Amino acid sequence: MLVAAIILAALIAIFYQSFAYLFYPVKDLQAEIEKGFELAKANEGKIVESELFVAKAVQVLNTKNFEDSSTLAVFECTDFELCCKDTEECSLGLSFNTERKTLSVEKDSAVSPYYRCLYDRRLFVCKAFFGIKPAQAEISSVKAEKTLKLEQSSQLLIEFKYSNIGELDAFEELTARVQVFDKEDNNPLKQALFETEKAIPKIKAGEEKSSSIIAEFSRAGSFDVKIEIESEEAGKDSKTFAVKAEGIPQNLCTALQKESPQLYPSLGGIEELRGECVSKALCSNCSFAFECKDAWDARGESVVAADKEYAYVIEPAGACSQ
């Protein structure tokens, strides 16, 4: 019986290797990676996966085949039973050379590539993983009050759970970030009214952990609060929820008075102010530079944010020569 079982298993393996193309479509690997990267860019920070059969080919793929002015490409092997790394000879399906940044198909293979892109400083860093599904961060749940009474507190405690839905452990800490946006601001490039971040512990495959972060509100209104977790190793995930802030903050940020106009230094400091005639616009009880700016904006002054204690008003050039 044991011999028969071994023979049957061997026959199944031979059949699978010979006829894998019946179960997975035979596709051009370069075209598939290009398609995978485009899907991953549209789902930034999330894993995109596919299944295909690749045939042994003379062609060697280089990461440069997939790069342009906005994209950096990386190949990674996550299962060394599927691929060889930096070896002269390879009896497995795929071979990687990290120095040359190349990938070649050594024999007909059924593979399940995973793709993920992260946007960093105007550049997409896109990775193609071959083998086991890499670590992938996911926010499991978010708990926070939906209405905030500012006379009681201007801080909102956000509790959240996060997990690793990949098959590999994440060995580095993640960054948790919270941003507050004006719900009535329809500008697609609108700036956050508040933003802060903190490090949160790494997570193993299948593991879930809890953490919290605090958002602050300087005025009443309707807001969108976005919480995001991210690491290079585990990708990115985010959740957005609505919050309504009511009342007047305990420590209201107030615009005080302007100091006498002076010429701003032509070197250093804030670039857009260099050589301009400016007045320092003082504030009190502000926690952030943008709050001081908002307080002066409310007075009808056009100001440039600088510090939580003052902003700058650009005055007519003649005001500094009087």
Protein backbone atom coordinates (compact mmCIF):
# COMPACT_ATOMS: atom_id res chain seq x y z
CA MET A 1 0.00 0.00 0.00
CA LEU A 2 2.81 2.39 0.91
CA VAL A 3 4.61 1.72 -2.36
CA ALA A 4 1.39 2.24 -4.29
CA ALA A 5 0.76 5.54 -2.51
CA ILE A 6 4.30 6.77 -3.32
CA ILE A 7 3.89 5.81 -6.98
CA LEU A 8 0.51 7.56 -7.12
CA ALA A 9 1.94 10.74 -5.58
CA ALA A 10 4.80 10.71 -8.08
CA LEU A 11 2.38 10.27 -10.99
CA ILE A 12 0.25 13.17 -9.73
CA ALA A 13 3.35 15.39 -9.46
CA ILE A 14 4.44 14.46 -12.99
CA PHE A 15 0.94 15.11 -14.29
CA TYR A 16 0.77 18.48 -12.56
CA GLN A 17 4.12 19.60 -13.92
CA SER A 18 3.25 18.42 -17.41
CA PHE A 19 -0.27 19.81 -17.56
CA ALA A 20 -0.14 22.81 -15.20
CA TYR A 21 -0.98 25.03 -18.13
CA LEU A 22 -4.48 23.48 -18.08
CA PHE A 23 -5.06 24.91 -14.59
CA TYR A 24 -3.20 28.21 -14.95
CA PRO A 25 -3.19 30.34 -18.10
CA VAL A 26 0.16 30.50 -19.89
CA LYS A 27 1.07 34.18 -19.95
CA ASP A 28 3.94 36.48 -20.77
CA LEU A 29 5.66 37.24 -17.46
CA GLN A 30 6.79 40.75 -18.38
CA ALA A 31 3.27 41.73 -19.47
CA GLU A 32 1.84 40.24 -16.27
CA ILE A 33 4.27 42.13 -14.04
CA GLU A 34 3.45 45.37 -15.86
CA LYS A 35 -0.26 44.73 -15.35
CA GLY A 36 0.29 43.79 -11.69
CA PHE A 37 2.22 47.00 -11.01
CA GLU A 38 -0.53 49.14 -12.58
CA LEU A 39 -3.17 47.47 -10.39
CA ALA A 40 -0.95 47.87 -7.33
CA LYS A 41 -0.51 51.60 -8.02
CA ALA A 42 -4.29 51.98 -8.14
CA ASN A 43 -4.50 50.17 -4.76
CA GLU A 44 -1.47 51.79 -3.14
CA GLY A 45 -0.07 49.90 -0.18
CA LYS A 46 -2.27 46.81 -0.75
CA ILE A 47 -1.31 43.38 -2.10
CA VAL A 48 -2.51 42.46 -5.59
CA GLU A 49 -2.14 38.79 -6.54
CA SER A 50 -2.49 36.62 -9.63
CA GLU A 51 -1.98 33.02 -10.73
CA LEU A 52 -0.29 32.04 -13.97
CA PHE A 53 1.86 29.44 -15.68
CA VAL A 54 5.22 30.64 -16.99
CA ALA A 55 7.24 28.69 -19.51
CA LYS A 56 11.03 28.43 -19.52
CA ALA A 57 12.37 31.33 -21.55
CA VAL A 58 15.69 32.62 -22.81
CA GLN A 59 14.65 36.15 -21.87
CA VAL A 60 15.99 37.58 -18.62
CA LEU A 61 13.84 40.27 -17.00
CA ASN A 62 15.53 43.27 -15.40
CA THR A 63 13.87 45.67 -12.98
CA LYS A 64 14.75 48.41 -15.47
CA ASN A 65 12.12 46.91 -17.82
CA PHE A 66 9.48 48.27 -15.44
CA GLU A 67 10.98 51.59 -14.36
CA ASP A 68 10.38 55.14 -15.53
CA SER A 69 10.59 58.64 -14.03
CA SER A 70 7.79 57.83 -11.55
CA THR A 71 8.42 54.14 -10.78
CA LEU A 72 11.16 52.12 -9.08
CA ALA A 73 10.83 48.32 -9.42
CA VAL A 74 12.05 45.52 -7.12
CA PHE A 75 11.91 41.69 -7.45
CA GLU A 76 11.71 39.58 -4.28
CA CYS A 77 11.68 35.81 -3.70
CA THR A 78 9.64 34.80 -0.63
CA ASP A 79 9.86 31.02 -1.04
CA PHE A 80 13.21 29.35 -1.65
CA GLU A 81 11.48 26.13 -2.71
CA LEU A 82 10.25 28.05 -5.76
CA CYS A 83 13.26 30.17 -6.61
CA CYS A 84 17.04 30.37 -6.39
CA LYS A 85 18.89 33.49 -5.33
CA ASP A 86 22.36 34.47 -6.54
CA THR A 87 23.40 30.96 -7.67
CA GLU A 88 25.26 29.91 -10.82
CA GLU A 89 22.95 26.96 -11.47
CA CYS A 90 19.28 26.67 -10.53
CA SER A 91 17.07 23.56 -10.60
CA LEU A 92 14.00 25.46 -9.38
CA GLY A 93 11.42 27.45 -11.34
CA LEU A 94 12.78 30.99 -10.99
CA SER A 95 16.23 32.46 -10.55
CA PHE A 96 17.02 35.87 -9.03
CA ASN A 97 20.23 37.86 -9.19
CA THR A 98 20.15 40.68 -6.63
CA GLU A 99 23.27 42.42 -7.92
CA ARG A 100 22.07 42.53 -11.52
CA LYS A 101 18.43 42.97 -10.41
CA THR A 102 17.29 40.24 -12.78
CA LEU A 103 14.71 37.46 -12.88
CA SER A 104 14.73 34.45 -15.23
CA VAL A 105 12.41 31.46 -15.69
CA GLU A 106 14.52 28.29 -15.39
CA LYS A 107 11.74 25.77 -16.03
CA ASP A 108 8.00 25.64 -16.66
CA SER A 109 6.31 26.69 -13.43
CA ALA A 110 2.95 27.58 -11.92
CA VAL A 111 3.47 30.74 -9.88
CA SER A 112 1.36 33.16 -7.84
CA PRO A 113 3.03 36.57 -8.01
CA TYR A 114 2.09 39.27 -5.49
CA TYR A 115 2.45 42.96 -6.29
CA ARG A 116 2.49 46.03 -4.02
CA CYS A 117 3.38 49.68 -4.61
CA LEU A 118 4.07 52.39 -2.03
CA TYR A 119 4.20 56.08 -2.96
CA ASP A 120 7.20 57.89 -1.53
CA ARG A 121 8.43 61.38 -2.46
CA ARG A 122 6.75 61.52 -5.89
CA LEU A 123 7.91 58.00 -6.73
CA PHE A 124 6.14 54.64 -6.70
CA VAL A 125 8.30 51.85 -5.25
CA CYS A 126 6.71 48.72 -6.74
CA LYS A 127 7.65 45.19 -5.65
CA ALA A 128 6.89 41.86 -7.31
CA PHE A 129 6.98 39.01 -4.78
CA PHE A 130 7.28 35.39 -5.91
CA GLY A 131 6.43 32.61 -3.47
CA ILE A 132 4.63 33.12 -0.15
CA LYS A 133 2.28 36.06 0.39
CA PRO A 134 4.31 38.83 2.11
CA ALA A 135 3.30 40.62 5.30
CA GLN A 136 0.31 42.92 4.76
CA ALA A 137 -0.96 45.36 7.37
CA GLU A 138 -4.70 45.85 7.80
CA ILE A 139 -6.74 47.99 10.20
CA SER A 140 -9.27 45.56 11.66
CA SER A 141 -11.44 48.04 13.58
CA VAL A 142 -11.56 51.65 14.77
CA LYS A 143 -13.31 52.99 17.89
CA ALA A 144 -13.79 56.72 18.58
CA GLU A 145 -16.50 59.18 19.60
CA LYS A 146 -18.33 60.68 16.62
CA THR A 147 -19.16 63.93 18.45
CA LEU A 148 -16.60 65.97 20.38
CA LYS A 149 -17.52 68.65 22.96
CA LEU A 150 -14.68 71.16 22.68
CA GLU A 151 -15.48 72.87 25.99
CA GLN A 152 -14.67 69.54 27.67
CA SER A 153 -11.67 68.52 25.57
CA SER A 154 -10.16 69.30 22.18
CA GLN A 155 -8.57 65.84 21.99
CA LEU A 156 -10.16 62.75 20.44
CA LEU A 157 -8.92 59.33 21.55
CA ILE A 158 -8.88 56.84 18.66
CA GLU A 159 -8.53 53.17 19.56
CA PHE A 160 -7.84 50.70 16.78
CA LYS A 161 -6.92 47.10 16.10
CA TYR A 162 -4.52 46.10 13.35
CA SER A 163 -3.44 42.75 11.93
CA ASN A 164 -1.09 41.07 9.49
CA ILE A 165 -3.15 39.27 6.83
CA GLY A 166 -0.05 38.06 4.98
CA GLU A 167 1.74 34.72 5.40
CA LEU A 168 5.11 36.15 6.47
CA ASP A 169 5.97 37.96 9.71
CA ALA A 170 6.65 41.70 9.74
CA PHE A 171 9.99 42.28 11.47
CA GLU A 172 9.91 46.07 11.69
CA GLU A 173 7.71 48.55 13.55
CA LEU A 174 4.87 50.22 11.72
CA THR A 175 3.93 53.90 11.68
CA ALA A 176 0.42 54.92 12.74
CA ARG A 177 -0.71 58.32 11.46
CA VAL A 178 -3.87 60.37 12.03
CA GLN A 179 -5.00 63.35 9.93
CA VAL A 180 -7.97 65.70 10.34
CA PHE A 181 -9.56 67.30 7.25
CA ASP A 182 -12.31 69.91 6.89
CA LYS A 183 -15.30 67.96 5.58
CA GLU A 184 -16.59 71.00 3.67
CA ASP A 185 -13.30 71.56 1.83
CA ASN A 186 -13.84 70.03 -1.63
CA ASN A 187 -10.30 70.65 -2.87
CA PRO A 188 -8.87 67.20 -3.83
CA LEU A 189 -5.42 68.43 -2.69
CA LYS A 190 -6.66 69.87 0.61
CA GLN A 191 -4.18 70.00 3.46
CA ALA A 192 -4.68 68.33 6.82
CA LEU A 193 -5.71 70.68 9.64
CA PHE A 194 -3.98 68.37 12.11
CA GLU A 195 -1.52 65.51 11.66
CA THR A 196 0.54 63.38 13.99
CA GLU A 197 2.16 59.94 13.93
CA LYS A 198 3.67 57.33 16.26
CA ALA A 199 5.47 53.99 16.05
CA ILE A 200 3.44 50.86 16.81
CA PRO A 201 4.71 47.30 17.40
CA LYS A 202 5.51 44.86 14.59
CA ILE A 203 3.11 41.98 13.88
CA LYS A 204 3.52 38.32 13.01
CA ALA A 205 1.55 36.59 10.27
CA GLY A 206 -2.08 36.19 11.34
CA GLU A 207 -1.55 38.26 14.49
CA GLU A 208 -3.79 41.12 15.69
CA LYS A 209 -2.76 43.91 18.10
CA SER A 210 -4.38 46.98 19.65
CA SER A 211 -3.14 50.56 19.84
CA SER A 212 -4.42 54.13 20.09
CA ILE A 213 -3.62 57.62 18.85
CA ILE A 214 -4.94 61.13 19.61
CA ALA A 215 -6.31 63.72 17.19
CA GLU A 216 -6.75 67.38 18.16
CA PHE A 217 -9.39 69.90 17.03
CA SER A 218 -8.91 73.68 17.20
CA ARG A 219 -12.44 74.73 16.20
CA ALA A 220 -16.00 73.54 15.79
CA GLY A 221 -17.15 71.99 12.50
CA SER A 222 -17.56 68.77 10.54
CA PHE A 223 -14.38 66.83 9.86
CA ASP A 224 -13.06 63.68 8.23
CA VAL A 225 -10.54 61.82 10.37
CA LYS A 226 -8.17 59.47 8.54
CA ILE A 227 -6.13 56.87 10.41
CA GLU A 228 -3.39 55.05 8.52
CA ILE A 229 -0.80 52.37 9.33
CA GLU A 230 2.24 51.75 7.17
CA SER A 231 5.65 50.17 6.83
CA GLU A 232 7.86 49.34 3.86
CA GLU A 233 7.70 45.68 4.82
CA ALA A 234 3.94 45.38 5.49
CA GLY A 235 2.40 47.92 3.13
CA LYS A 236 -0.37 50.32 4.08
CA ASP A 237 -4.01 50.45 5.13
CA SER A 238 -6.32 53.28 6.19
CA LYS A 239 -9.79 54.01 7.53
CA THR A 240 -11.70 57.31 7.43
CA PHE A 241 -14.62 58.34 9.64
CA ALA A 242 -16.62 61.52 10.29
CA VAL A 243 -16.43 63.58 13.47
CA LYS A 244 -18.46 66.63 14.48
CA ALA A 245 -16.79 69.07 16.89
CA GLU A 246 -19.10 71.37 18.85
CA GLY A 247 -18.59 74.33 21.19
CA ILE A 248 -15.55 76.49 21.92
CA PRO A 249 -12.17 74.99 22.87
CA GLN A 250 -11.02 75.48 26.45
CA ASN A 251 -7.86 77.29 25.36
CA LEU A 252 -8.98 79.26 22.32
CA CYS A 253 -6.15 80.17 19.97
CA THR A 254 -6.26 83.96 19.62
CA ALA A 255 -4.65 86.48 17.23
CA LEU A 256 -3.13 89.34 19.29
CA GLN A 257 -1.29 92.15 17.48
CA LYS A 258 1.24 92.79 14.74
CA GLU A 259 4.76 94.01 15.41
CA SER A 260 6.45 96.73 13.34
CA PRO A 261 7.30 95.75 9.71
CA GLN A 262 10.84 94.54 9.04
CA LEU A 263 12.73 93.14 6.06
CA TYR A 264 12.92 89.36 6.25
CA PRO A 265 16.48 87.98 5.82
CA SER A 266 17.40 87.08 2.24
CA LEU A 267 19.05 83.82 3.37
CA GLY A 268 17.67 80.98 5.49
CA GLY A 269 14.29 80.83 7.18
CA ILE A 270 11.07 80.54 5.18
CA GLU A 271 11.91 80.63 1.48
CA GLU A 272 8.77 82.45 0.30
CA LEU A 273 9.46 85.32 2.75
CA ARG A 274 13.10 85.99 1.84
CA GLY A 275 13.65 89.68 1.08
CA GLU A 276 9.99 90.57 1.76
CA CYS A 277 8.70 93.29 4.06
CA VAL A 278 6.90 91.41 6.85
CA SER A 279 5.19 91.95 10.18
CA LYS A 280 5.29 89.35 12.90
CA ALA A 281 1.66 88.56 13.84
CA LEU A 282 1.52 87.36 17.43
CA CYS A 283 -0.82 84.67 18.85
CA SER A 284 -1.70 83.15 22.22
CA ASN A 285 -3.00 79.75 23.36
CA CYS A 286 -2.19 78.10 20.03
CA SER A 287 -0.89 74.54 19.97
CA PHE A 288 0.27 74.52 16.34
CA ALA A 289 1.52 76.95 13.70
CA PHE A 290 -1.52 76.37 11.48
CA GLU A 291 -3.83 77.42 14.37
CA CYS A 292 -2.04 80.77 14.67
CA LYS A 293 -2.33 81.23 10.90
CA ASP A 294 -6.06 80.38 10.98
CA ALA A 295 -6.64 82.91 13.76
CA TRP A 296 -5.12 85.69 11.63
CA ASP A 297 -6.88 84.47 8.48
CA ALA A 298 -10.17 84.88 10.37
CA ARG A 299 -9.25 88.59 10.78
CA GLY A 300 -8.93 88.93 7.01
CA GLU A 301 -5.14 89.01 6.95
CA SER A 302 -3.21 86.92 4.42
CA VAL A 303 -0.46 85.30 6.49
CA VAL A 304 2.25 82.66 6.24
CA ALA A 305 2.43 80.06 9.03
CA ALA A 306 5.66 80.06 11.02
CA ASP A 307 5.24 79.06 14.68
CA LYS A 308 2.47 78.41 17.21
CA GLU A 309 3.26 81.81 18.79
CA TYR A 310 3.38 83.94 15.62
CA ALA A 311 2.78 84.05 11.88
CA TYR A 312 4.03 86.49 9.23
CA VAL A 313 2.05 89.09 7.26
CA ILE A 314 3.62 90.25 3.99
CA GLU A 315 3.36 94.04 3.91
CA PRO A 316 3.80 96.50 1.02
CA ALA A 317 7.50 97.10 0.30
CA GLY A 318 7.22 100.78 1.33
CA ALA A 319 6.12 99.84 4.84
CA CYS A 320 9.69 98.82 5.75
CA SER A 321 11.25 102.12 4.54
CA GLN A 322 9.10 104.38 6.72
